[in-house]
Amino acid sequence: MKQFEYDILFFEVKKQKDYAEIRRILNEHGAKGWDVVSAEAGDYGYTVFLKRETAS
């Protein structure tokens, strides 16, 4: 049976250039095997939920 681990990231957005930083961080996580499960917009930014398969 597959097993997963999870992570949660929060990104505060104050300026348009903050989106480039979000993209950079998500690309770094993607290179390490993380997949975005969902993202939620809030009053001050975004909460992103990630998962990746663990070696079992």
C-alpha atoms as a PDB file:
ATOM      1  CA  MET A   1       0.000   0.000   0.000  1.00  0.00           C
ATOM      2  CA  LYS A   2       1.280   3.484  -0.864  1.00  0.00           C
ATOM      3  CA  GLN A   3       2.174   5.777   2.004  1.00  0.00           C
ATOM      4  CA  PHE A   4       2.379   9.547   1.893  1.00  0.00           C
ATOM      5  CA  GLU A   5       3.736  12.416   3.922  1.00  0.00           C
ATOM      6  CA  TYR A   6       2.187  15.861   3.964  1.00  0.00           C
ATOM      7  CA  ASP A   7       3.311  19.451   4.296  1.00  0.00           C
ATOM      8  CA  ILE A   8       1.516  22.785   4.569  1.00  0.00           C
ATOM      9  CA  LEU A   9       2.944  26.068   3.311  1.00  0.00           C
ATOM     10  CA  PHE A  10       1.610  29.571   3.889  1.00  0.00           C
ATOM     11  CA  PHE A  11       2.439  32.398   1.509  1.00  0.00           C
ATOM     12  CA  GLU A  12       1.774  35.983   2.489  1.00  0.00           C
ATOM     13  CA  VAL A  13       1.063  38.147  -0.543  1.00  0.00           C
ATOM     14  CA  LYS A  14       1.629  41.880  -0.322  1.00  0.00           C
ATOM     15  CA  LYS A  15       2.922  42.735  -3.797  1.00  0.00           C
ATOM     16  CA  GLN A  16       2.660  41.307  -7.300  1.00  0.00           C
ATOM     17  CA  LYS A  17       6.316  40.200  -7.160  1.00  0.00           C
ATOM     18  CA  ASP A  18       5.436  37.872  -4.265  1.00  0.00           C
ATOM     19  CA  TYR A  19       3.943  35.479  -6.831  1.00  0.00           C
ATOM     20  CA  ALA A  20       7.393  34.913  -8.365  1.00  0.00           C
ATOM     21  CA  GLU A  21       8.661  33.850  -4.928  1.00  0.00           C
ATOM     22  CA  ILE A  22       5.693  31.501  -4.489  1.00  0.00           C
ATOM     23  CA  ARG A  23       6.405  29.948  -7.888  1.00  0.00           C
ATOM     24  CA  ARG A  24      10.094  29.502  -7.003  1.00  0.00           C
ATOM     25  CA  ILE A  25       9.310  27.777  -3.689  1.00  0.00           C
ATOM     26  CA  LEU A  26       6.685  25.501  -5.245  1.00  0.00           C
ATOM     27  CA  ASN A  27       9.120  24.533  -8.018  1.00  0.00           C
ATOM     28  CA  GLU A  28      11.743  23.658  -5.389  1.00  0.00           C
ATOM     29  CA  HIS A  29       9.235  21.448  -3.575  1.00  0.00           C
ATOM     30  CA  GLY A  30       8.130  19.879  -6.870  1.00  0.00           C
ATOM     31  CA  ALA A  31      11.744  18.960  -7.658  1.00  0.00           C
ATOM     32  CA  LYS A  32      11.789  17.086  -4.329  1.00  0.00           C
ATOM     33  CA  GLY A  33       8.686  15.069  -5.227  1.00  0.00           C
ATOM     34  CA  TRP A  34       5.987  17.186  -3.585  1.00  0.00           C
ATOM     35  CA  ASP A  35       2.609  17.600  -5.323  1.00  0.00           C
ATOM     36  CA  VAL A  36       0.102  20.344  -4.555  1.00  0.00           C
ATOM     37  CA  VAL A  37      -3.105  18.754  -3.311  1.00  0.00           C
ATOM     38  CA  SER A  38      -5.017  22.003  -2.874  1.00  0.00           C
ATOM     39  CA  ALA A  39      -4.595  25.707  -2.247  1.00  0.00           C
ATOM     40  CA  GLU A  40      -6.851  28.096  -0.384  1.00  0.00           C
ATOM     41  CA  ALA A  41      -6.900  31.866  -0.639  1.00  0.00           C
ATOM     42  CA  GLY A  42      -7.303  33.764   2.622  1.00  0.00           C
ATOM     43  CA  ASP A  43      -7.347  37.387   3.677  1.00  0.00           C
ATOM     44  CA  TYR A  44      -3.564  37.654   3.800  1.00  0.00           C
ATOM     45  CA  GLY A  45      -2.281  35.062   1.344  1.00  0.00           C
ATOM     46  CA  TYR A  46      -2.469  31.422   0.358  1.00  0.00           C
ATOM     47  CA  THR A  47      -2.303  28.158   2.247  1.00  0.00           C
ATOM     48  CA  VAL A  48      -0.986  25.309   0.089  1.00  0.00           C
ATOM     49  CA  PHE A  49      -1.318  21.632   1.001  1.00  0.00           C
ATOM     50  CA  LEU A  50       1.300  19.236  -0.394  1.00  0.00           C
ATOM     51  CA  LYS A  51       1.895  15.500  -0.382  1.00  0.00           C
ATOM     52  CA  ARG A  52       4.498  13.071  -1.639  1.00  0.00           C
ATOM     53  CA  GLU A  53       4.873   9.339  -1.620  1.00  0.00           C
ATOM     54  CA  THR A  54       7.272   7.947   0.972  1.00  0.00           C
ATOM     55  CA  ALA A  55       9.652   5.094   0.416  1.00  0.00           C
ATOM     56  CA  SER A  56       8.213   2.117   2.252  1.00  0.00           C
END
